[in-house]
Amino acid sequence: MNIRLSSDFLTGLLFCGLGAVAIIIGSDYPVGTTSRMGAGYFPLVVSSGLILLGGVLLVRSMVSETQEVGEVDVRPLVVLLGGVLAFGFLIEDWGFPVAGLAVVVASRIAGRDLKPWLETALLAVGLVIFCTALFSYGLGLNLPHTRFW
């Protein structure tokens, strides 16, 4: 059996590892039965599915030709993580609209092909308006708003 460092192999390991960690974390929750599900039922089912999918990818990487992992570009990962952190820091003081704009702009910067700024601005404003309408007015959630809005 030939185990190569392929994208399917690494993705399978990641899925199996995440599923196993989720099962370990959720092991304290009561599972219940199918008719009376406990708090741990859904996490157990989703984590089991994740482990199953990871196992399929691991087997696939061993029996078929898959892409080998090339160079990994770290810049998009760092920029996206920075955008998520910026969202977390901005949402309390500046509100959801500003934090949402920060995430969309960070996503634009993380991409390989740079889109025009007008397109990014329209997308950011549209997504913030849509998410505000959906979560605040549609679902009745209390999102933090800026003190200026």
C-alpha atoms as a PDB file:
ATOM      1  CA  MET A   1       0.000   0.000   0.000  1.00  0.00           C
ATOM      2  CA  ASN A   2       1.394   3.349  -1.056  1.00  0.00           C
ATOM      3  CA  ILE A   3       0.597   6.215   1.309  1.00  0.00           C
ATOM      4  CA  ARG A   4       1.454   9.552  -0.242  1.00  0.00           C
ATOM      5  CA  LEU A   5       1.016  12.981   1.237  1.00  0.00           C
ATOM      6  CA  SER A   6      -1.955  13.941  -0.933  1.00  0.00           C
ATOM      7  CA  SER A   7      -4.739  16.447  -0.431  1.00  0.00           C
ATOM      8  CA  ASP A   8      -7.268  13.620   0.060  1.00  0.00           C
ATOM      9  CA  PHE A   9      -5.082  11.977   2.703  1.00  0.00           C
ATOM     10  CA  LEU A  10      -4.583  15.200   4.666  1.00  0.00           C
ATOM     11  CA  THR A  11      -8.267  16.129   4.384  1.00  0.00           C
ATOM     12  CA  GLY A  12      -9.263  12.657   5.583  1.00  0.00           C
ATOM     13  CA  LEU A  13      -6.954  12.961   8.583  1.00  0.00           C
ATOM     14  CA  LEU A  14      -8.372  16.398   9.368  1.00  0.00           C
ATOM     15  CA  PHE A  15     -11.993  15.183   9.170  1.00  0.00           C
ATOM     16  CA  CYS A  16     -11.290  12.108  11.288  1.00  0.00           C
ATOM     17  CA  GLY A  17      -9.424  14.174  13.864  1.00  0.00           C
ATOM     18  CA  LEU A  18     -12.145  16.844  14.095  1.00  0.00           C
ATOM     19  CA  GLY A  19     -14.838  14.189  14.374  1.00  0.00           C
ATOM     20  CA  ALA A  20     -12.957  12.358  17.115  1.00  0.00           C
ATOM     21  CA  VAL A  21     -12.354  15.564  19.084  1.00  0.00           C
ATOM     22  CA  ALA A  22     -16.039  16.512  18.764  1.00  0.00           C
ATOM     23  CA  ILE A  23     -17.107  13.071  20.006  1.00  0.00           C
ATOM     24  CA  ILE A  24     -14.735  13.342  22.970  1.00  0.00           C
ATOM     25  CA  ILE A  25     -15.971  16.840  23.846  1.00  0.00           C
ATOM     26  CA  GLY A  26     -19.621  15.811  23.451  1.00  0.00           C
ATOM     27  CA  SER A  27     -19.263  12.597  25.432  1.00  0.00           C
ATOM     28  CA  ASP A  28     -20.457  14.372  28.580  1.00  0.00           C
ATOM     29  CA  TYR A  29     -23.817  15.255  27.001  1.00  0.00           C
ATOM     30  CA  PRO A  30     -26.737  12.816  27.281  1.00  0.00           C
ATOM     31  CA  VAL A  31     -27.446  11.151  23.930  1.00  0.00           C
ATOM     32  CA  GLY A  32     -30.977   9.936  24.556  1.00  0.00           C
ATOM     33  CA  THR A  33     -32.839   7.921  21.929  1.00  0.00           C
ATOM     34  CA  THR A  34     -33.956   8.624  18.398  1.00  0.00           C
ATOM     35  CA  SER A  35     -37.451   9.517  19.579  1.00  0.00           C
ATOM     36  CA  ARG A  36     -36.226  11.568  22.558  1.00  0.00           C
ATOM     37  CA  MET A  37     -32.931  13.088  21.517  1.00  0.00           C
ATOM     38  CA  GLY A  38     -30.626  14.449  24.154  1.00  0.00           C
ATOM     39  CA  ALA A  39     -28.141  17.297  23.837  1.00  0.00           C
ATOM     40  CA  GLY A  40     -25.403  14.946  22.629  1.00  0.00           C
ATOM     41  CA  TYR A  41     -27.389  13.169  19.907  1.00  0.00           C
ATOM     42  CA  PHE A  42     -26.871  15.628  17.060  1.00  0.00           C
ATOM     43  CA  PRO A  43     -23.145  16.227  17.748  1.00  0.00           C
ATOM     44  CA  LEU A  44     -22.616  12.457  17.876  1.00  0.00           C
ATOM     45  CA  VAL A  45     -24.372  11.913  14.531  1.00  0.00           C
ATOM     46  CA  VAL A  46     -22.553  14.786  12.805  1.00  0.00           C
ATOM     47  CA  SER A  47     -19.179  13.766  14.240  1.00  0.00           C
ATOM     48  CA  SER A  48     -19.728  10.158  13.183  1.00  0.00           C
ATOM     49  CA  GLY A  49     -20.559  11.345   9.675  1.00  0.00           C
ATOM     50  CA  LEU A  50     -17.409  13.450   9.655  1.00  0.00           C
ATOM     51  CA  ILE A  51     -15.295  10.454  10.693  1.00  0.00           C
ATOM     52  CA  LEU A  52     -16.995   8.319   8.023  1.00  0.00           C
ATOM     53  CA  LEU A  53     -16.294  10.922   5.348  1.00  0.00           C
ATOM     54  CA  GLY A  54     -12.681  11.188   6.532  1.00  0.00           C
ATOM     55  CA  GLY A  55     -12.329   7.409   6.353  1.00  0.00           C
ATOM     56  CA  VAL A  56     -13.660   7.389   2.786  1.00  0.00           C
ATOM     57  CA  LEU A  57     -11.130  10.056   1.826  1.00  0.00           C
ATOM     58  CA  LEU A  58      -8.299   8.132   3.499  1.00  0.00           C
ATOM     59  CA  VAL A  59      -9.202   4.941   1.624  1.00  0.00           C
ATOM     60  CA  ARG A  60      -9.587   6.885  -1.618  1.00  0.00           C
ATOM     61  CA  SER A  61      -6.141   8.417  -1.210  1.00  0.00           C
ATOM     62  CA  MET A  62      -4.626   4.942  -0.853  1.00  0.00           C
ATOM     63  CA  VAL A  63      -6.337   3.224  -3.784  1.00  0.00           C
ATOM     64  CA  SER A  64      -6.431   5.924  -6.454  1.00  0.00           C
ATOM     65  CA  GLU A  65      -4.145   8.545  -7.870  1.00  0.00           C
ATOM     66  CA  THR A  66      -4.732  11.856  -6.133  1.00  0.00           C
ATOM     67  CA  GLN A  67      -3.106  15.250  -6.264  1.00  0.00           C
ATOM     68  CA  GLU A  68      -0.011  15.646  -4.209  1.00  0.00           C
ATOM     69  CA  VAL A  69       0.119  18.599  -1.889  1.00  0.00           C
ATOM     70  CA  GLY A  70       2.018  21.485  -3.385  1.00  0.00           C
ATOM     71  CA  GLU A  71       3.155  24.647  -1.717  1.00  0.00           C
ATOM     72  CA  VAL A  72       0.734  26.078   0.795  1.00  0.00           C
ATOM     73  CA  ASP A  73       0.016  29.804   0.586  1.00  0.00           C
ATOM     74  CA  VAL A  74      -0.137  31.059   4.166  1.00  0.00           C
ATOM     75  CA  ARG A  75      -1.277  34.609   3.355  1.00  0.00           C
ATOM     76  CA  PRO A  76      -5.000  33.796   2.797  1.00  0.00           C
ATOM     77  CA  LEU A  77      -5.102  31.782   6.016  1.00  0.00           C
ATOM     78  CA  VAL A  78      -3.558  34.596   8.052  1.00  0.00           C
ATOM     79  CA  VAL A  79      -5.762  37.274   6.455  1.00  0.00           C
ATOM     80  CA  LEU A  80      -8.979  35.281   6.968  1.00  0.00           C
ATOM     81  CA  LEU A  81      -8.117  34.475  10.578  1.00  0.00           C
ATOM     82  CA  GLY A  82      -7.344  38.150  11.084  1.00  0.00           C
ATOM     83  CA  GLY A  83     -10.726  39.054   9.595  1.00  0.00           C
ATOM     84  CA  VAL A  84     -12.530  36.687  11.951  1.00  0.00           C
ATOM     85  CA  LEU A  85     -10.583  38.094  14.917  1.00  0.00           C
ATOM     86  CA  ALA A  86     -11.378  41.635  13.759  1.00  0.00           C
ATOM     87  CA  PHE A  87     -15.070  40.673  13.612  1.00  0.00           C
ATOM     88  CA  GLY A  88     -14.914  39.414  17.178  1.00  0.00           C
ATOM     89  CA  PHE A  89     -13.188  42.533  18.465  1.00  0.00           C
ATOM     90  CA  LEU A  90     -15.300  45.007  16.465  1.00  0.00           C
ATOM     91  CA  ILE A  91     -18.784  43.613  17.010  1.00  0.00           C
ATOM     92  CA  GLU A  92     -19.172  44.736  20.635  1.00  0.00           C
ATOM     93  CA  ASP A  93     -17.922  48.314  20.310  1.00  0.00           C
ATOM     94  CA  TRP A  94     -18.649  49.120  16.658  1.00  0.00           C
ATOM     95  CA  GLY A  95     -21.612  46.823  16.015  1.00  0.00           C
ATOM     96  CA  PHE A  96     -22.541  44.245  13.414  1.00  0.00           C
ATOM     97  CA  PRO A  97     -22.454  46.500  10.315  1.00  0.00           C
ATOM     98  CA  VAL A  98     -18.823  47.558  10.809  1.00  0.00           C
ATOM     99  CA  ALA A  99     -17.715  44.058  11.837  1.00  0.00           C
ATOM    100  CA  GLY A 100     -19.478  42.544   8.818  1.00  0.00           C
ATOM    101  CA  LEU A 101     -17.782  45.018   6.491  1.00  0.00           C
ATOM    102  CA  ALA A 102     -14.400  44.086   8.004  1.00  0.00           C
ATOM    103  CA  VAL A 103     -14.960  40.375   7.303  1.00  0.00           C
ATOM    104  CA  VAL A 104     -15.958  40.981   3.676  1.00  0.00           C
ATOM    105  CA  VAL A 105     -12.979  43.257   3.063  1.00  0.00           C
ATOM    106  CA  ALA A 106     -10.624  40.704   4.653  1.00  0.00           C
ATOM    107  CA  SER A 107     -12.084  38.020   2.377  1.00  0.00           C
ATOM    108  CA  ARG A 108     -11.438  40.238  -0.629  1.00  0.00           C
ATOM    109  CA  ILE A 109      -7.839  40.824   0.377  1.00  0.00           C
ATOM    110  CA  ALA A 110      -7.274  37.092   0.971  1.00  0.00           C
ATOM    111  CA  GLY A 111      -8.285  36.107  -2.566  1.00  0.00           C
ATOM    112  CA  ARG A 112      -5.794  35.492  -5.342  1.00  0.00           C
ATOM    113  CA  ASP A 113      -7.416  37.676  -7.968  1.00  0.00           C
ATOM    114  CA  LEU A 114      -8.086  41.173  -6.764  1.00  0.00           C
ATOM    115  CA  LYS A 115     -11.613  42.282  -7.532  1.00  0.00           C
ATOM    116  CA  PRO A 116     -12.421  45.965  -8.078  1.00  0.00           C
ATOM    117  CA  TRP A 117     -13.063  47.890  -4.887  1.00  0.00           C
ATOM    118  CA  LEU A 118     -16.500  49.065  -6.070  1.00  0.00           C
ATOM    119  CA  GLU A 119     -17.620  45.451  -6.470  1.00  0.00           C
ATOM    120  CA  THR A 120     -16.279  44.612  -3.007  1.00  0.00           C
ATOM    121  CA  ALA A 121     -17.968  47.639  -1.432  1.00  0.00           C
ATOM    122  CA  LEU A 122     -21.322  46.776  -3.033  1.00  0.00           C
ATOM    123  CA  LEU A 123     -21.002  43.144  -1.947  1.00  0.00           C
ATOM    124  CA  ALA A 124     -20.070  44.144   1.622  1.00  0.00           C
ATOM    125  CA  VAL A 125     -22.940  46.606   1.983  1.00  0.00           C
ATOM    126  CA  GLY A 126     -25.400  44.167   0.401  1.00  0.00           C
ATOM    127  CA  LEU A 127     -24.346  41.301   2.673  1.00  0.00           C
ATOM    128  CA  VAL A 128     -24.519  43.446   5.806  1.00  0.00           C
ATOM    129  CA  ILE A 129     -28.000  44.703   4.865  1.00  0.00           C
ATOM    130  CA  PHE A 130     -29.171  41.170   4.032  1.00  0.00           C
ATOM    131  CA  CYS A 131     -27.749  39.653   7.233  1.00  0.00           C
ATOM    132  CA  THR A 132     -29.146  42.481   9.369  1.00  0.00           C
ATOM    133  CA  ALA A 133     -32.578  42.048   7.800  1.00  0.00           C
ATOM    134  CA  LEU A 134     -32.445  38.266   8.133  1.00  0.00           C
ATOM    135  CA  PHE A 135     -31.139  38.001  11.688  1.00  0.00           C
ATOM    136  CA  SER A 136     -32.547  41.159  13.309  1.00  0.00           C
ATOM    137  CA  TYR A 137     -35.916  41.456  11.624  1.00  0.00           C
ATOM    138  CA  GLY A 138     -36.560  37.981  10.216  1.00  0.00           C
ATOM    139  CA  LEU A 139     -35.372  35.894  13.167  1.00  0.00           C
ATOM    140  CA  GLY A 140     -35.727  38.548  15.865  1.00  0.00           C
ATOM    141  CA  LEU A 141     -32.139  38.256  17.130  1.00  0.00           C
ATOM    142  CA  ASN A 142     -30.598  41.172  18.963  1.00  0.00           C
ATOM    143  CA  LEU A 143     -27.472  42.080  16.998  1.00  0.00           C
ATOM    144  CA  PRO A 144     -25.152  44.758  18.359  1.00  0.00           C
ATOM    145  CA  HIS A 145     -25.597  47.970  16.359  1.00  0.00           C
ATOM    146  CA  THR A 146     -23.174  50.837  16.262  1.00  0.00           C
ATOM    147  CA  ARG A 147     -23.752  53.794  18.450  1.00  0.00           C
ATOM    148  CA  PHE A 148     -23.832  55.945  15.300  1.00  0.00           C
ATOM    149  CA  TRP A 149     -26.642  54.030  13.493  1.00  0.00           C
END
